[in-house]
C-alpha atoms as a PDB file:
ATOM      1  CA  MET A   1     118.483 108.534 114.110  1.00  0.00           C
ATOM      2  CA  PRO A   2     118.757 111.423 111.581  1.00  0.00           C
ATOM      3  CA  ASN A   3     120.029 109.312 108.672  1.00  0.00           C
ATOM      4  CA  ILE A   4     118.037 106.436 107.243  1.00  0.00           C
ATOM      5  CA  VAL A   5     121.106 105.247 105.261  1.00  0.00           C
ATOM      6  CA  GLU A   6     124.732 105.522 106.355  1.00  0.00           C
ATOM      7  CA  ILE A   7     127.682 104.238 104.335  1.00  0.00           C
ATOM      8  CA  ARG A   8     131.125 104.075 105.947  1.00  0.00           C
ATOM      9  CA  ASP A   9     134.465 103.175 104.319  1.00  0.00           C
ATOM     10  CA  LEU A  10     132.715 100.903 101.834  1.00  0.00           C
ATOM     11  CA  HIS A  11     134.704  98.996  99.212  1.00  0.00           C
ATOM     12  CA  PHE A  12     133.185  96.931  96.410  1.00  0.00           C
ATOM     13  CA  GLY A  13     134.496  95.385  93.226  1.00  0.00           C
ATOM     14  CA  TYR A  14     134.038  92.579  90.744  1.00  0.00           C
ATOM     15  CA  GLY A  15     137.014  90.266  91.102  1.00  0.00           C
ATOM     16  CA  ASP A  16     140.156  92.369  90.845  1.00  0.00           C
ATOM     17  CA  ARG A  17     138.280  95.335  89.339  1.00  0.00           C
ATOM     18  CA  PRO A  18     137.381  97.930  92.005  1.00  0.00           C
ATOM     19  CA  ILE A  19     134.034  99.722  91.542  1.00  0.00           C
ATOM     20  CA  LEU A  20     133.643 101.682  94.800  1.00  0.00           C
ATOM     21  CA  SER A  21     136.529 102.709  97.064  1.00  0.00           C
ATOM     22  CA  GLY A  22     136.320 104.103 100.603  1.00  0.00           C
ATOM     23  CA  LEU A  23     132.790 105.418 100.170  1.00  0.00           C
ATOM     24  CA  ARG A  24     131.260 107.549 102.932  1.00  0.00           C
ATOM     25  CA  MET A  25     127.710 108.854 102.407  1.00  0.00           C
ATOM     26  CA  ASP A  26     124.771 109.982 104.549  1.00  0.00           C
ATOM     27  CA  PHE A  27     121.128 110.017 103.462  1.00  0.00           C
ATOM     28  CA  PRO A  28     119.040 112.053 105.960  1.00  0.00           C
ATOM     29  CA  ARG A  29     115.398 111.244 106.568  1.00  0.00           C
ATOM     30  CA  GLY A  30     112.886 113.316 104.627  1.00  0.00           C
ATOM     31  CA  LYS A  31     115.379 114.560 102.041  1.00  0.00           C
ATOM     32  CA  VAL A  32     115.951 114.064  98.304  1.00  0.00           C
ATOM     33  CA  ILE A  33     119.603 113.172  97.697  1.00  0.00           C
ATOM     34  CA  ALA A  34     120.995 113.053  94.159  1.00  0.00           C
ATOM     35  CA  VAL A  35     123.877 110.730  93.285  1.00  0.00           C
ATOM     36  CA  MET A  36     125.438 111.871  90.039  1.00  0.00           C
ATOM     37  CA  GLY A  37     128.405 111.006  87.864  1.00  0.00           C
ATOM     38  CA  GLY A  38     129.389 109.646  84.497  1.00  0.00           C
ATOM     39  CA  SER A  39     128.515 106.204  83.179  1.00  0.00           C
ATOM     40  CA  GLY A  40     130.389 103.480  85.015  1.00  0.00           C
ATOM     41  CA  SER A  41     131.119 105.610  88.077  1.00  0.00           C
ATOM     42  CA  GLY A  42     129.276 103.206  90.418  1.00  0.00           C
ATOM     43  CA  LYS A  43     125.967 105.023  90.958  1.00  0.00           C
ATOM     44  CA  THR A  44     123.603 102.087  90.316  1.00  0.00           C
ATOM     45  CA  THR A  45     125.925  99.777  92.264  1.00  0.00           C
ATOM     46  CA  ILE A  46     125.247 101.908  95.357  1.00  0.00           C
ATOM     47  CA  LEU A  47     121.503 101.296  94.987  1.00  0.00           C
ATOM     48  CA  ARG A  48     122.076  97.549  94.647  1.00  0.00           C
ATOM     49  CA  LEU A  49     124.230  97.527  97.773  1.00  0.00           C
ATOM     50  CA  ILE A  50     121.576  99.422  99.735  1.00  0.00           C
ATOM     51  CA  GLY A  51     118.937  96.934  98.584  1.00  0.00           C
ATOM     52  CA  GLY A  52     121.132  93.976  99.547  1.00  0.00           C
ATOM     53  CA  GLN A  53     121.414  92.629  95.995  1.00  0.00           C
ATOM     54  CA  LEU A  54     125.184  93.013  96.293  1.00  0.00           C
ATOM     55  CA  ARG A  55     127.474  92.737  99.300  1.00  0.00           C
ATOM     56  CA  PRO A  56     130.542  94.935  99.854  1.00  0.00           C
ATOM     57  CA  GLN A  57     134.029  93.528 100.328  1.00  0.00           C
ATOM     58  CA  SER A  58     134.476  95.717 103.408  1.00  0.00           C
ATOM     59  CA  GLY A  59     132.925  98.628 105.273  1.00  0.00           C
ATOM     60  CA  SER A  60     129.440  99.131 106.678  1.00  0.00           C
ATOM     61  CA  LEU A  61     126.114 100.057 105.111  1.00  0.00           C
ATOM     62  CA  THR A  62     123.177 100.588 107.461  1.00  0.00           C
ATOM     63  CA  VAL A  63     119.536 101.124 106.531  1.00  0.00           C
ATOM     64  CA  ASP A  64     117.227 102.149 109.357  1.00  0.00           C
ATOM     65  CA  GLY A  65     119.920 101.104 111.837  1.00  0.00           C
ATOM     66  CA  GLN A  66     120.506  97.623 110.368  1.00  0.00           C
ATOM     67  CA  ASN A  67     123.782  96.653 108.714  1.00  0.00           C
ATOM     68  CA  VAL A  68     122.524  95.310 105.389  1.00  0.00           C
ATOM     69  CA  PRO A  69     125.475  92.967 104.577  1.00  0.00           C
ATOM     70  CA  ASP A  70     124.914  91.131 107.881  1.00  0.00           C
ATOM     71  CA  LEU A  71     121.205  90.422 107.332  1.00  0.00           C
ATOM     72  CA  ASN A  72     119.940  86.936 106.540  1.00  0.00           C
ATOM     73  CA  THR A  73     117.439  86.401 103.736  1.00  0.00           C
ATOM     74  CA  SER A  74     114.292  86.737 105.859  1.00  0.00           C
ATOM     75  CA  ASP A  75     115.493  89.907 107.632  1.00  0.00           C
ATOM     76  CA  LEU A  76     116.576  91.414 104.320  1.00  0.00           C
ATOM     77  CA  TYR A  77     113.137  90.645 102.886  1.00  0.00           C
ATOM     78  CA  LEU A  78     111.516  92.460 105.822  1.00  0.00           C
ATOM     79  CA  LEU A  79     113.810  95.462 105.381  1.00  0.00           C
ATOM     80  CA  ARG A  80     112.931  95.684 101.694  1.00  0.00           C
ATOM     81  CA  ARG A  81     109.313  96.299 102.678  1.00  0.00           C
ATOM     82  CA  LYS A  82     110.537  99.730 103.792  1.00  0.00           C
ATOM     83  CA  MET A  83     112.074 100.391 100.362  1.00  0.00           C
ATOM     84  CA  GLY A  84     110.595 101.375  97.030  1.00  0.00           C
ATOM     85  CA  MET A  85     112.513 101.125  93.765  1.00  0.00           C
ATOM     86  CA  LEU A  86     111.982 102.745  90.398  1.00  0.00           C
ATOM     87  CA  PHE A  87     114.155 100.856  87.920  1.00  0.00           C
ATOM     88  CA  GLN A  88     115.706 102.214  84.742  1.00  0.00           C
ATOM     89  CA  ASN A  89     113.024 102.484  82.050  1.00  0.00           C
ATOM     90  CA  GLY A  90     110.316 101.553  84.568  1.00  0.00           C
ATOM     91  CA  ALA A  91     110.626  97.754  84.233  1.00  0.00           C
ATOM     92  CA  LEU A  92     106.856  97.200  84.261  1.00  0.00           C
ATOM     93  CA  PHE A  93     105.409  93.722  83.742  1.00  0.00           C
ATOM     94  CA  THR A  94     104.229  93.952  80.142  1.00  0.00           C
ATOM     95  CA  ASP A  95     101.603  91.222  80.419  1.00  0.00           C
ATOM     96  CA  MET A  96      99.961  92.838  83.469  1.00  0.00           C
ATOM     97  CA  THR A  97      97.593  95.788  83.539  1.00  0.00           C
ATOM     98  CA  VAL A  98      98.604  99.103  85.078  1.00  0.00           C
ATOM     99  CA  PHE A  99      96.485  98.177  88.110  1.00  0.00           C
ATOM    100  CA  ASP A 100      98.137  94.777  88.572  1.00  0.00           C
ATOM    101  CA  ASN A 101     101.626  96.281  88.245  1.00  0.00           C
ATOM    102  CA  VAL A 102     100.960  98.650  91.139  1.00  0.00           C
ATOM    103  CA  ALA A 103      99.205  95.915  93.154  1.00  0.00           C
ATOM    104  CA  PHE A 104     102.161  93.527  92.771  1.00  0.00           C
ATOM    105  CA  PRO A 105     104.224  94.693  95.797  1.00  0.00           C
ATOM    106  CA  LEU A 106     101.072  94.765  97.947  1.00  0.00           C
ATOM    107  CA  HIS A 107     100.310  91.137  97.056  1.00  0.00           C
ATOM    108  CA  GLU A 108     103.973  90.190  97.499  1.00  0.00           C
ATOM    109  CA  HIS A 109     104.601  91.823 100.874  1.00  0.00           C
ATOM    110  CA  THR A 110     101.221  91.997 102.645  1.00  0.00           C
ATOM    111  CA  ASN A 111      98.177  89.902 103.497  1.00  0.00           C
ATOM    112  CA  LEU A 112      95.722  92.744 103.023  1.00  0.00           C
ATOM    113  CA  PRO A 113      92.203  91.937 101.773  1.00  0.00           C
ATOM    114  CA  GLU A 114      91.590  92.488  98.059  1.00  0.00           C
ATOM    115  CA  GLU A 115      89.134  95.322  98.723  1.00  0.00           C
ATOM    116  CA  LEU A 116      91.775  97.299 100.600  1.00  0.00           C
ATOM    117  CA  ILE A 117      94.456  96.547  98.003  1.00  0.00           C
ATOM    118  CA  ARG A 118      92.093  97.821  95.309  1.00  0.00           C
ATOM    119  CA  ASP A 119      91.537 101.101  97.162  1.00  0.00           C
ATOM    120  CA  LEU A 120      95.261 101.557  97.851  1.00  0.00           C
ATOM    121  CA  VAL A 121      96.194 100.952  94.210  1.00  0.00           C
ATOM    122  CA  LEU A 122      93.613 103.443  92.976  1.00  0.00           C
ATOM    123  CA  LEU A 123      94.878 106.013  95.479  1.00  0.00           C
ATOM    124  CA  LYS A 124      98.468 105.570  94.271  1.00  0.00           C
ATOM    125  CA  LEU A 125      97.412 105.781  90.630  1.00  0.00           C
ATOM    126  CA  ASN A 126      95.382 108.884  91.403  1.00  0.00           C
ATOM    127  CA  ALA A 127      98.468 110.456  92.981  1.00  0.00           C
ATOM    128  CA  VAL A 128     100.329 110.117  89.660  1.00  0.00           C
ATOM    129  CA  GLY A 129      97.296 111.108  87.563  1.00  0.00           C
ATOM    130  CA  LEU A 130      96.608 107.675  86.049  1.00  0.00           C
ATOM    131  CA  ARG A 131      93.648 106.230  87.972  1.00  0.00           C
ATOM    132  CA  ASN A 132      91.597 106.077  84.764  1.00  0.00           C
ATOM    133  CA  ALA A 133      94.346 104.094  82.999  1.00  0.00           C
ATOM    134  CA  ALA A 134      94.165 101.261  85.553  1.00  0.00           C
ATOM    135  CA  ARG A 135      92.876  98.619  83.117  1.00  0.00           C
ATOM    136  CA  LEU A 136      95.309  99.391  80.298  1.00  0.00           C
ATOM    137  CA  LYS A 137      98.486  97.463  79.533  1.00  0.00           C
ATOM    138  CA  PRO A 138     101.884  99.229  79.535  1.00  0.00           C
ATOM    139  CA  ALA A 139     102.014  98.987  75.726  1.00  0.00           C
ATOM    140  CA  GLU A 140      98.801 101.042  75.558  1.00  0.00           C
ATOM    141  CA  ILE A 141     100.199 104.104  77.339  1.00  0.00           C
ATOM    142  CA  SER A 142     103.046 106.511  76.593  1.00  0.00           C
ATOM    143  CA  GLY A 143     106.579 106.182  77.925  1.00  0.00           C
ATOM    144  CA  GLY A 144     106.052 109.084  80.320  1.00  0.00           C
ATOM    145  CA  MET A 145     102.864 107.517  81.640  1.00  0.00           C
ATOM    146  CA  ALA A 146     104.599 104.154  82.060  1.00  0.00           C
ATOM    147  CA  ARG A 147     107.266 105.859  84.189  1.00  0.00           C
ATOM    148  CA  ARG A 148     104.520 107.317  86.376  1.00  0.00           C
ATOM    149  CA  VAL A 149     102.976 103.852  86.774  1.00  0.00           C
ATOM    150  CA  ALA A 150     106.385 102.591  87.881  1.00  0.00           C
ATOM    151  CA  LEU A 151     106.517 105.462  90.365  1.00  0.00           C
ATOM    152  CA  ALA A 152     103.084 104.497  91.737  1.00  0.00           C
ATOM    153  CA  ARG A 153     104.369 100.926  92.148  1.00  0.00           C
ATOM    154  CA  ALA A 154     107.504 102.187  93.936  1.00  0.00           C
ATOM    155  CA  ILE A 155     105.386 104.003  96.555  1.00  0.00           C
ATOM    156  CA  ALA A 156     102.705 101.296  96.894  1.00  0.00           C
ATOM    157  CA  LEU A 157     103.890 100.302 100.389  1.00  0.00           C
ATOM    158  CA  ASP A 158     104.482 103.899 101.578  1.00  0.00           C
ATOM    159  CA  PRO A 159     108.208 103.160 101.876  1.00  0.00           C
ATOM    160  CA  ALA A 160     110.542 105.078 104.162  1.00  0.00           C
ATOM    161  CA  LEU A 161     113.210 104.939 101.441  1.00  0.00           C
ATOM    162  CA  ILE A 162     112.601 105.340  97.705  1.00  0.00           C
ATOM    163  CA  MET A 163     115.391 104.725  95.185  1.00  0.00           C
ATOM    164  CA  TYR A 164     115.261 106.026  91.632  1.00  0.00           C
ATOM    165  CA  ASP A 165     117.625 104.651  88.970  1.00  0.00           C
ATOM    166  CA  GLU A 166     117.760 107.129  86.068  1.00  0.00           C
ATOM    167  CA  PRO A 167     114.068 108.130  86.331  1.00  0.00           C
ATOM    168  CA  PHE A 168     114.368 110.749  83.553  1.00  0.00           C
ATOM    169  CA  ALA A 169     116.047 108.557  80.918  1.00  0.00           C
ATOM    170  CA  GLY A 170     114.238 108.573  77.583  1.00  0.00           C
ATOM    171  CA  LEU A 171     111.532 111.051  78.614  1.00  0.00           C
ATOM    172  CA  ASP A 172     110.459 114.138  76.683  1.00  0.00           C
ATOM    173  CA  PRO A 173     110.942 117.509  78.468  1.00  0.00           C
ATOM    174  CA  ILE A 174     107.325 117.711  79.660  1.00  0.00           C
ATOM    175  CA  SER A 175     107.283 114.156  81.048  1.00  0.00           C
ATOM    176  CA  MET A 176     110.670 114.811  82.623  1.00  0.00           C
ATOM    177  CA  GLY A 177     109.364 117.858  84.462  1.00  0.00           C
ATOM    178  CA  VAL A 178     106.197 116.035  85.569  1.00  0.00           C
ATOM    179  CA  THR A 179     108.230 113.102  86.888  1.00  0.00           C
ATOM    180  CA  ALA A 180     110.653 115.364  88.758  1.00  0.00           C
ATOM    181  CA  ASN A 181     107.820 117.270  90.415  1.00  0.00           C
ATOM    182  CA  LEU A 182     106.134 114.004  91.400  1.00  0.00           C
ATOM    183  CA  ILE A 183     109.326 112.687  92.993  1.00  0.00           C
ATOM    184  CA  ARG A 184     109.626 115.811  95.142  1.00  0.00           C
ATOM    185  CA  LYS A 185     105.922 116.029  96.048  1.00  0.00           C
ATOM    186  CA  LEU A 186     105.589 112.328  96.878  1.00  0.00           C
ATOM    187  CA  ASN A 187     108.758 112.417  98.971  1.00  0.00           C
ATOM    188  CA  ASP A 188     107.402 115.293 101.035  1.00  0.00           C
ATOM    189  CA  ALA A 189     103.878 113.857 101.287  1.00  0.00           C
ATOM    190  CA  LEU A 190     105.131 110.454 102.478  1.00  0.00           C
ATOM    191  CA  GLY A 191     107.910 111.837 104.668  1.00  0.00           C
ATOM    192  CA  SER A 192     110.274 109.506 102.823  1.00  0.00           C
ATOM    193  CA  THR A 193     113.912 109.731 101.864  1.00  0.00           C
ATOM    194  CA  SER A 194     114.593 109.631  98.119  1.00  0.00           C
ATOM    195  CA  ILE A 195     117.882 108.606  96.512  1.00  0.00           C
ATOM    196  CA  LEU A 196     118.003 109.866  92.952  1.00  0.00           C
ATOM    197  CA  VAL A 197     120.601 108.388  90.597  1.00  0.00           C
ATOM    198  CA  SER A 198     120.633 110.475  87.447  1.00  0.00           C
ATOM    199  CA  HIS A 199     122.676 112.088  84.680  1.00  0.00           C
ATOM    200  CA  ASP A 200     120.160 114.923  84.288  1.00  0.00           C
ATOM    201  CA  VAL A 201     121.607 117.994  85.972  1.00  0.00           C
ATOM    202  CA  ASN A 202     118.717 120.442  85.578  1.00  0.00           C
ATOM    203  CA  GLU A 203     115.914 118.177  86.813  1.00  0.00           C
ATOM    204  CA  SER A 204     117.999 116.680  89.626  1.00  0.00           C
ATOM    205  CA  PHE A 205     119.278 120.041  90.869  1.00  0.00           C
ATOM    206  CA  GLY A 206     115.712 121.376  90.749  1.00  0.00           C
ATOM    207  CA  ILE A 207     114.414 118.893  93.346  1.00  0.00           C
ATOM    208  CA  ALA A 208     117.444 117.660  95.331  1.00  0.00           C
ATOM    209  CA  ASP A 209     118.418 118.884  98.796  1.00  0.00           C
ATOM    210  CA  TYR A 210     121.968 117.554  98.497  1.00  0.00           C
ATOM    211  CA  VAL A 211     124.177 116.142  95.735  1.00  0.00           C
ATOM    212  CA  TYR A 212     127.011 113.612  95.673  1.00  0.00           C
ATOM    213  CA  PHE A 213     129.264 113.462  92.609  1.00  0.00           C
ATOM    214  CA  LEU A 214     131.045 110.174  91.891  1.00  0.00           C
ATOM    215  CA  SER A 215     133.988 109.517  89.632  1.00  0.00           C
ATOM    216  CA  GLU A 216     135.772 106.171  89.346  1.00  0.00           C
ATOM    217  CA  GLY A 217     134.046 104.864  92.459  1.00  0.00           C
ATOM    218  CA  LYS A 218     134.927 107.769  94.767  1.00  0.00           C
ATOM    219  CA  ILE A 219     133.099 110.870  95.984  1.00  0.00           C
ATOM    220  CA  VAL A 220     134.821 113.771  94.241  1.00  0.00           C
ATOM    221  CA  ALA A 221     132.416 116.524  95.327  1.00  0.00           C
ATOM    222  CA  GLN A 222     129.322 117.019  97.457  1.00  0.00           C
ATOM    223  CA  GLY A 223     127.041 119.812  98.549  1.00  0.00           C
ATOM    224  CA  THR A 224     123.776 121.578  97.825  1.00  0.00           C
ATOM    225  CA  PRO A 225     122.751 122.127  94.183  1.00  0.00           C
ATOM    226  CA  ASP A 226     123.679 125.825  94.496  1.00  0.00           C
ATOM    227  CA  GLU A 227     127.113 124.896  95.821  1.00  0.00           C
ATOM    228  CA  MET A 228     127.612 122.461  92.953  1.00  0.00           C
ATOM    229  CA  ARG A 229     126.592 125.062  90.363  1.00  0.00           C
ATOM    230  CA  ALA A 230     129.172 127.462  91.789  1.00  0.00           C
ATOM    231  CA  SER A 231     131.886 124.823  92.209  1.00  0.00           C
ATOM    232  CA  GLN A 232     135.225 125.402  90.511  1.00  0.00           C
ATOM    233  CA  ASP A 233     136.145 121.710  90.797  1.00  0.00           C
ATOM    234  CA  PRO A 234     137.157 120.636  87.253  1.00  0.00           C
ATOM    235  CA  TYR A 235     135.086 117.426  87.362  1.00  0.00           C
ATOM    236  CA  VAL A 236     131.944 119.163  88.647  1.00  0.00           C
ATOM    237  CA  LYS A 237     132.307 121.999  86.134  1.00  0.00           C
ATOM    238  CA  GLN A 238     132.690 119.532  83.256  1.00  0.00           C
ATOM    239  CA  PHE A 239     129.642 117.518  84.318  1.00  0.00           C
ATOM    240  CA  VAL A 240     127.324 120.393  85.264  1.00  0.00           C
ATOM    241  CA  HIS A 241     128.102 122.380  82.126  1.00  0.00           C
ATOM    242  CA  ALA A 242     128.303 119.332  79.807  1.00  0.00           C
ATOM    243  CA  GLU A 243     131.802 120.201  78.598  1.00  0.00           C
ATOM    244  CA  ALA A 244     133.532 117.768  76.259  1.00  0.00           C
ATOM    245  CA  ASP A 245     137.011 118.550  77.619  1.00  0.00           C
ATOM    246  CA  GLY A 246     137.900 117.898  81.230  1.00  0.00           C
ATOM    247  CA  PRO A 247     139.005 115.246  83.708  1.00  0.00           C
ATOM    248  CA  VAL A 248     136.421 112.709  82.522  1.00  0.00           C
ATOM    249  CA  PRO A 249     138.082 110.875  79.600  1.00  0.00           C
ATOM    250  CA  PHE A 250     136.322 109.800  76.415  1.00  0.00           C
ATOM    251  CA  HIS A 251     138.341 106.579  76.043  1.00  0.00           C
ATOM    252  CA  TYR A 252     138.131 103.664  78.479  1.00  0.00           C
ATOM    253  CA  PRO A 253     141.536 103.359  80.215  1.00  0.00           C
ATOM    254  CA  GLY A 254     143.979 100.739  78.950  1.00  0.00           C
ATOM    255  CA  ARG A 255     146.456 100.082  76.171  1.00  0.00           C
ATOM    256  CA  SER A 256     146.946 102.564  73.373  1.00  0.00           C
ATOM    257  CA  LEU A 257     145.553 101.959  69.903  1.00  0.00           C
ATOM    258  CA  ALA A 258     149.111 101.672  68.547  1.00  0.00           C
ATOM    259  CA  GLU A 259     149.857  98.851  70.982  1.00  0.00           C
ATOM    260  CA  ASP A 260     146.626  96.991  70.165  1.00  0.00           C
ATOM    261  CA  VAL A 261     147.077  97.102  66.389  1.00  0.00           C
ATOM    262  CA  GLY A 262     150.754  96.195  66.567  1.00  0.00           C
ATOM    263  CA  LEU A 263     152.189  99.588  65.646  1.00  0.00           C
ATOM    264  CA  GLY A 264     154.198 100.117  68.816  1.00  0.00           C
ATOM    265  CA  GLY A 265     157.747 101.116  67.939  1.00  0.00           C
ATOM    266  CA  GLN A 266     157.055 101.125  64.157  1.00  0.00           C
ATOM    267  CA  GLN A 267     157.352 104.139  61.899  1.00  0.00           C
END
């Protein structure tokens, strides 16, 4: 099976408010796929659906051949062992050491002896350059280092699928570049598939094999980074070149200001 994740005609919303409409996406094994779009376009929702935290109203979503919405709790828990997740801003446990943060998924999902867990954690921390920071707390390291610890935790179980939710948010340019390179190198070393949700065009385009652009819950463009750079699609051009004017509105849709303040029809 060439794709580890396949999404077909997926619809999801909160109550009467649609979030994703008729989504069709493929995530091939061994590739880095970027999912990009403005705030509120549904990017993080896709990650939550893949992880089984949310269930779609209709359509199918398969991970490693299993339809995630149909799985019971125990089967979903087993499937999640094949997934790694880097949350926005890292989401490290602040009262745990760097070592214990990375060891957490190994304790949670395996029955490995402590000696082996210790060696695995140190190997993962070494891969992100932080083996010597193992005994420090998150508050004792920089934001860029904390993001690398979160990355080590995400790959602790050598997952087949790694999901990154805004991994570059809040990082300085050097830390951003280091994190991007790590995502690409770890993906290739593990033979994993990486799904990268991000606003950052330069870093994402630098490491992604393929890009999906979302707007208002629909795929509006897709292709390789080079194809997206050359695209004449108004939405893609606005996003890639950070243009203020374009199809993405500044104001949230709804009533006009005049209507809300009672000026409708008045001089």
